[in-house]
């Protein structure tokens, strides 16, 4: 009887986790179905340039910024994400990367938390 009860609790827990997981997958946030933390992983080529305003911005970084930058709210969420913060990214420097990449159609003046895209 006790093993049956444990099994039922385990099945209930698996069902609950599955339902919550499916709701999370279907939800569309700033970056669509991907989380800002997942998108931040694509920004690895920008790590040095996002920590030092005098560091050169690589072509690989600019490519990623162009792709994510099509959605300014996603780019902002990525720059302010937990992944970016834990990687030592400085938002006040990261926010300058679209300009440093000479992206002509960047959202100049877009507010990103306490920062504004130049």
N, C-alpha and C. Protein backbone atom coordinates (compact mmCIF):
# COMPACT_ATOMS: atom_id res chain seq x y z
N UNK A 1 0.82 -1.19 0.00
CA UNK A 1 0.00 0.00 0.00
C UNK A 1 0.87 1.26 0.00
N UNK A 2 1.94 1.26 0.81
CA UNK A 2 2.83 2.42 0.87
C UNK A 2 3.56 2.61 -0.44
N UNK A 3 3.99 1.52 -1.09
CA UNK A 3 4.68 1.65 -2.36
C UNK A 3 3.75 2.16 -3.45
N UNK A 4 2.47 1.78 -3.40
CA UNK A 4 1.49 2.28 -4.37
C UNK A 4 1.30 3.78 -4.17
N UNK A 5 1.25 4.23 -2.92
CA UNK A 5 1.07 5.65 -2.62
C UNK A 5 2.28 6.45 -3.10
N UNK A 6 3.48 5.94 -2.88
CA UNK A 6 4.70 6.61 -3.34
C UNK A 6 4.70 6.71 -4.86
N UNK A 7 4.29 5.62 -5.51
CA UNK A 7 4.25 5.61 -6.98
C UNK A 7 3.26 6.66 -7.49
N UNK A 8 2.10 6.77 -6.87
CA UNK A 8 1.08 7.74 -7.29
C UNK A 8 1.59 9.17 -7.07
N UNK A 9 2.28 9.40 -5.97
CA UNK A 9 2.84 10.73 -5.72
C UNK A 9 3.90 11.07 -6.77
N UNK A 10 4.72 10.07 -7.10
CA UNK A 10 5.76 10.29 -8.12
C UNK A 10 5.13 10.58 -9.47
N UNK A 11 4.10 9.85 -9.85
CA UNK A 11 3.40 10.08 -11.12
C UNK A 11 2.77 11.47 -11.12
N UNK A 12 2.16 11.84 -10.01
CA UNK A 12 1.56 13.17 -9.90
C UNK A 12 2.58 14.28 -10.06
N UNK A 13 3.74 14.08 -9.44
CA UNK A 13 4.81 15.08 -9.55
C UNK A 13 5.31 15.19 -10.98
N UNK A 14 5.50 14.07 -11.66
CA UNK A 14 5.95 14.08 -13.05
C UNK A 14 4.94 14.78 -13.94
N UNK A 15 3.66 14.52 -13.73
CA UNK A 15 2.61 15.17 -14.52
C UNK A 15 2.62 16.67 -14.28
N UNK A 16 2.75 17.09 -13.03
CA UNK A 16 2.77 18.51 -12.70
C UNK A 16 3.96 19.21 -13.34
N UNK A 17 5.14 18.62 -13.23
CA UNK A 17 6.34 19.20 -13.83
C UNK A 17 6.18 19.28 -15.35
N UNK A 18 5.60 18.26 -15.95
CA UNK A 18 5.39 18.25 -17.40
C UNK A 18 4.46 19.37 -17.83
N UNK A 19 3.39 19.56 -17.09
CA UNK A 19 2.43 20.61 -17.42
C UNK A 19 3.09 21.98 -17.29
N UNK A 20 3.81 22.20 -16.20
CA UNK A 20 4.48 23.48 -16.02
C UNK A 20 5.53 23.71 -17.09
N UNK A 21 6.25 22.67 -17.45
CA UNK A 21 7.26 22.78 -18.50
C UNK A 21 6.65 23.12 -19.84
N UNK A 22 5.53 22.51 -20.17
CA UNK A 22 4.87 22.80 -21.44
C UNK A 22 4.35 24.22 -21.49
N UNK A 23 3.82 24.71 -20.37
CA UNK A 23 3.35 26.09 -20.34
C UNK A 23 4.51 27.05 -20.56
N UNK A 24 5.65 26.75 -19.98
CA UNK A 24 6.82 27.60 -20.13
C UNK A 24 7.33 27.59 -21.57
N UNK A 25 7.30 26.45 -22.24
CA UNK A 25 7.78 26.35 -23.62
C UNK A 25 6.88 27.14 -24.57
N UNK A 26 5.58 27.11 -24.32
CA UNK A 26 4.65 27.80 -25.21
C UNK A 26 4.63 29.31 -24.98
N UNK A 27 5.10 29.75 -23.83
CA UNK A 27 5.07 31.17 -23.52
C UNK A 27 6.07 31.92 -24.40
N UNK A 28 5.66 33.08 -24.85
CA UNK A 28 6.54 33.91 -25.66
C UNK A 28 6.94 35.12 -24.83
N UNK A 29 8.22 35.25 -24.57
CA UNK A 29 8.73 36.38 -23.80
C UNK A 29 9.41 37.37 -24.73
N UNK A 30 10.33 38.13 -24.16
CA UNK A 30 11.04 39.14 -24.95
C UNK A 30 11.76 38.53 -26.14
N UNK A 31 12.23 37.31 -25.97
CA UNK A 31 13.01 36.65 -27.03
C UNK A 31 12.23 35.49 -27.66
N UNK A 32 10.94 35.61 -27.72
CA UNK A 32 10.12 34.55 -28.29
C UNK A 32 10.09 33.36 -27.36
N UNK A 33 10.31 32.17 -27.90
CA UNK A 33 10.25 30.96 -27.09
C UNK A 33 11.56 30.67 -26.36
N UNK A 34 12.60 31.43 -26.64
CA UNK A 34 13.88 31.26 -25.98
C UNK A 34 13.99 32.25 -24.83
N UNK A 35 14.66 31.85 -23.77
CA UNK A 35 14.83 32.76 -22.64
C UNK A 35 16.00 33.71 -22.91
N UNK A 36 15.98 34.89 -22.29
CA UNK A 36 17.12 35.80 -22.42
C UNK A 36 18.44 35.15 -21.99
N UNK A 37 18.39 34.28 -20.98
CA UNK A 37 19.61 33.60 -20.54
C UNK A 37 20.14 32.67 -21.63
N UNK A 38 19.25 31.97 -22.34
CA UNK A 38 19.69 31.12 -23.44
C UNK A 38 20.26 31.95 -24.58
N UNK A 39 19.62 33.05 -24.89
CA UNK A 39 20.10 33.94 -25.95
C UNK A 39 21.44 34.55 -25.56
N UNK A 40 21.64 34.81 -24.28
CA UNK A 40 22.91 35.39 -23.81
C UNK A 40 24.08 34.47 -24.12
N UNK A 41 23.83 33.17 -24.14
CA UNK A 41 24.91 32.22 -24.45
C UNK A 41 25.42 32.43 -25.88
N UNK A 42 24.58 32.93 -26.76
CA UNK A 42 24.98 33.19 -28.15
C UNK A 42 25.90 34.40 -28.24
N UNK A 43 25.94 35.18 -27.16
CA UNK A 43 26.71 36.42 -27.16
C UNK A 43 28.13 36.24 -26.63
N UNK A 44 28.57 35.00 -26.51
CA UNK A 44 29.93 34.73 -26.01
C UNK A 44 31.00 35.49 -26.79
N UNK A 45 30.87 35.65 -28.12
CA UNK A 45 31.90 36.41 -28.84
C UNK A 45 31.98 37.88 -28.41
N UNK A 46 30.97 38.34 -27.67
CA UNK A 46 30.93 39.75 -27.24
C UNK A 46 31.47 39.96 -25.83
N UNK A 47 31.89 38.89 -25.17
CA UNK A 47 32.25 38.98 -23.75
C UNK A 47 33.28 40.07 -23.45
N UNK A 48 34.37 40.09 -24.18
CA UNK A 48 35.41 41.08 -23.90
C UNK A 48 34.92 42.49 -24.21
N UNK A 49 34.24 42.65 -25.34
CA UNK A 49 33.75 43.97 -25.74
C UNK A 49 32.67 44.50 -24.80
N UNK A 50 31.98 43.60 -24.09
CA UNK A 50 30.93 44.01 -23.16
C UNK A 50 31.48 44.31 -21.76
N UNK A 51 32.77 44.10 -21.58
CA UNK A 51 33.40 44.39 -20.30
C UNK A 51 34.37 45.57 -20.39
N UNK A 52 34.81 45.87 -21.62
CA UNK A 52 35.82 46.92 -21.81
C UNK A 52 35.44 47.73 -23.04
N UNK A 53 35.11 48.99 -22.84
CA UNK A 53 34.66 49.82 -23.95
C UNK A 53 35.75 50.08 -24.98
N UNK A 54 37.00 49.82 -24.63
CA UNK A 54 38.10 50.02 -25.57
C UNK A 54 38.48 48.74 -26.31
N UNK A 55 37.88 47.62 -25.93
CA UNK A 55 38.17 46.35 -26.59
C UNK A 55 37.53 46.34 -27.98
N UNK A 56 38.20 45.75 -28.95
CA UNK A 56 37.59 45.66 -30.28
C UNK A 56 36.38 44.73 -30.25
N UNK A 57 35.41 45.03 -31.10
CA UNK A 57 34.21 44.20 -31.21
C UNK A 57 34.42 43.28 -32.41
N UNK A 58 34.36 41.99 -32.17
CA UNK A 58 34.62 41.02 -33.24
C UNK A 58 33.46 40.97 -34.24
N UNK A 59 33.77 40.49 -35.44
CA UNK A 59 32.74 40.30 -36.46
C UNK A 59 31.69 39.31 -35.98
N UNK A 60 32.12 38.26 -35.25
CA UNK A 60 31.17 37.27 -34.73
C UNK A 60 30.21 37.91 -33.73
N UNK A 61 30.73 38.80 -32.92
CA UNK A 61 29.88 39.52 -31.96
C UNK A 61 28.86 40.37 -32.71
N UNK A 62 29.32 41.13 -33.68
CA UNK A 62 28.41 42.00 -34.44
C UNK A 62 27.33 41.20 -35.14
N UNK A 63 27.68 40.03 -35.64
CA UNK A 63 26.68 39.17 -36.29
C UNK A 63 25.59 38.78 -35.30
N UNK A 64 25.98 38.38 -34.10
CA UNK A 64 25.00 37.98 -33.09
C UNK A 64 24.15 39.18 -32.66
N UNK A 65 24.78 40.33 -32.49
CA UNK A 65 24.04 41.53 -32.09
C UNK A 65 23.03 41.92 -33.17
N UNK A 66 23.42 41.80 -34.43
CA UNK A 66 22.47 42.10 -35.53
C UNK A 66 21.27 41.16 -35.48
N UNK A 67 21.53 39.86 -35.25
CA UNK A 67 20.44 38.89 -35.22
C UNK A 67 19.51 39.12 -34.04
N UNK A 68 20.07 39.24 -32.85
CA UNK A 68 19.23 39.44 -31.67
C UNK A 68 18.65 40.85 -31.65
N UNK A 69 19.38 41.80 -32.21
CA UNK A 69 18.95 43.19 -32.22
C UNK A 69 17.75 43.51 -33.07
N UNK A 70 17.31 42.53 -33.90
CA UNK A 70 16.07 42.75 -34.65
C UNK A 70 14.90 42.95 -33.69
N UNK A 71 15.06 42.47 -32.47
CA UNK A 71 14.06 42.63 -31.43
C UNK A 71 14.74 43.37 -30.26
N UNK A 72 14.62 44.70 -30.21
CA UNK A 72 15.33 45.47 -29.18
C UNK A 72 15.00 45.03 -27.76
N UNK A 73 13.77 44.60 -27.49
CA UNK A 73 13.45 44.18 -26.13
C UNK A 73 14.19 42.90 -25.77
N UNK A 74 14.42 42.03 -26.75
CA UNK A 74 15.20 40.81 -26.50
C UNK A 74 16.65 41.18 -26.24
N UNK A 75 17.21 42.04 -27.07
CA UNK A 75 18.61 42.46 -26.88
C UNK A 75 18.80 43.06 -25.49
N UNK A 76 17.85 43.87 -25.08
CA UNK A 76 17.90 44.48 -23.76
C UNK A 76 17.83 43.41 -22.68
N UNK A 77 16.90 42.48 -22.81
CA UNK A 77 16.75 41.41 -21.82
C UNK A 77 18.01 40.56 -21.74
N UNK A 78 18.66 40.33 -22.88
CA UNK A 78 19.90 39.55 -22.90
C UNK A 78 20.99 40.30 -22.14
N UNK A 79 21.13 41.60 -22.39
CA UNK A 79 22.17 42.38 -21.73
C UNK A 79 21.97 42.46 -20.23
N UNK A 80 20.72 42.38 -19.78
CA UNK A 80 20.42 42.47 -18.36
C UNK A 80 20.15 41.10 -17.72
N UNK A 81 20.36 40.03 -18.48
CA UNK A 81 20.05 38.68 -17.99
C UNK A 81 21.00 38.24 -16.87
N UNK A 82 20.56 37.25 -16.13
CA UNK A 82 21.40 36.68 -15.07
C UNK A 82 22.69 36.10 -15.65
N UNK A 83 22.59 35.49 -16.83
CA UNK A 83 23.77 34.91 -17.47
C UNK A 83 24.78 36.01 -17.78
N UNK A 84 24.32 37.12 -18.33
CA UNK A 84 25.22 38.22 -18.65
C UNK A 84 25.85 38.78 -17.37
N UNK A 85 25.03 38.98 -16.35
CA UNK A 85 25.55 39.53 -15.09
C UNK A 85 26.59 38.60 -14.48
N UNK A 86 26.30 37.30 -14.46
CA UNK A 86 27.24 36.36 -13.85
C UNK A 86 28.51 36.19 -14.67
N UNK A 87 28.48 36.61 -15.94
CA UNK A 87 29.66 36.54 -16.79
C UNK A 87 30.52 37.79 -16.70
N UNK A 88 30.10 38.74 -15.88
CA UNK A 88 30.87 39.96 -15.70
C UNK A 88 30.56 41.04 -16.74
N UNK A 89 29.48 40.85 -17.48
CA UNK A 89 29.09 41.85 -18.48
C UNK A 89 28.66 43.13 -17.78
N UNK A 90 29.13 44.24 -18.29
CA UNK A 90 28.75 45.54 -17.76
C UNK A 90 27.71 46.13 -18.70
N UNK A 91 26.44 46.22 -18.24
CA UNK A 91 25.38 46.71 -19.14
C UNK A 91 25.67 48.07 -19.75
N UNK A 92 26.31 48.95 -18.97
CA UNK A 92 26.59 50.29 -19.49
C UNK A 92 27.59 50.24 -20.65
N UNK A 93 28.38 49.18 -20.74
CA UNK A 93 29.31 49.01 -21.85
C UNK A 93 28.66 48.16 -22.95
N UNK A 94 27.96 47.10 -22.54
CA UNK A 94 27.29 46.22 -23.52
C UNK A 94 26.31 47.00 -24.39
N UNK A 95 25.67 47.99 -23.82
CA UNK A 95 24.67 48.77 -24.55
C UNK A 95 25.30 49.56 -25.70
N UNK A 96 26.62 49.74 -25.67
CA UNK A 96 27.30 50.48 -26.73
C UNK A 96 27.70 49.60 -27.92
N UNK A 97 27.58 48.29 -27.78
CA UNK A 97 28.05 47.39 -28.84
C UNK A 97 27.33 47.60 -30.17
N UNK A 98 26.00 47.77 -30.22
CA UNK A 98 25.38 48.00 -31.54
C UNK A 98 25.98 49.21 -32.28
N UNK A 99 26.28 50.26 -31.54
CA UNK A 99 26.91 51.44 -32.16
C UNK A 99 28.33 51.11 -32.58
N UNK A 100 29.07 50.39 -31.74
CA UNK A 100 30.45 50.03 -32.06
C UNK A 100 30.52 49.08 -33.24
N UNK A 101 29.41 48.35 -33.51
CA UNK A 101 29.33 47.47 -34.69
C UNK A 101 28.86 48.23 -35.93
N UNK A 102 28.61 49.52 -35.78
CA UNK A 102 28.11 50.37 -36.88
C UNK A 102 26.80 49.83 -37.46
N UNK A 103 25.91 49.37 -36.59
CA UNK A 103 24.59 48.90 -37.03
C UNK A 103 23.73 50.13 -37.27
N UNK A 104 23.43 50.38 -38.53
CA UNK A 104 22.73 51.60 -38.93
C UNK A 104 21.30 51.65 -38.40
N UNK A 105 20.61 50.53 -38.42
CA UNK A 105 19.19 50.54 -38.02
C UNK A 105 18.99 50.13 -36.56
N UNK A 106 19.97 50.43 -35.71
CA UNK A 106 19.84 50.11 -34.29
C UNK A 106 18.80 51.04 -33.67
N UNK A 107 18.17 50.59 -32.61
CA UNK A 107 17.11 51.39 -31.98
C UNK A 107 17.69 52.49 -31.08
N UNK A 108 18.21 53.54 -31.70
CA UNK A 108 18.82 54.65 -30.96
C UNK A 108 17.78 55.24 -30.00
N UNK A 109 18.19 55.45 -28.76
CA UNK A 109 17.31 56.02 -27.75
C UNK A 109 16.43 55.00 -27.05
N UNK A 110 16.54 53.72 -27.41
CA UNK A 110 15.73 52.68 -26.77
C UNK A 110 16.16 52.53 -25.32
N UNK A 111 15.21 52.60 -24.40
CA UNK A 111 15.51 52.46 -22.98
C UNK A 111 15.65 50.99 -22.63
N UNK A 112 16.75 50.68 -21.99
CA UNK A 112 17.04 49.31 -21.56
C UNK A 112 17.37 49.38 -20.08
N UNK A 113 16.36 49.20 -19.24
CA UNK A 113 16.57 49.39 -17.81
C UNK A 113 16.98 50.83 -17.55
N UNK A 114 18.08 51.00 -16.86
CA UNK A 114 18.58 52.34 -16.55
C UNK A 114 19.44 52.90 -17.67
N UNK A 115 19.57 52.17 -18.78
CA UNK A 115 20.49 52.52 -19.86
C UNK A 115 19.70 52.88 -21.13
N UNK A 116 20.34 53.67 -21.99
CA UNK A 116 19.74 54.07 -23.26
C UNK A 116 20.71 53.73 -24.39
N UNK A 117 20.20 53.08 -25.43
CA UNK A 117 21.05 52.74 -26.58
C UNK A 117 21.52 54.01 -27.26
N UNK A 118 22.84 54.14 -27.45
CA UNK A 118 23.36 55.33 -28.12
C UNK A 118 23.20 55.22 -29.64
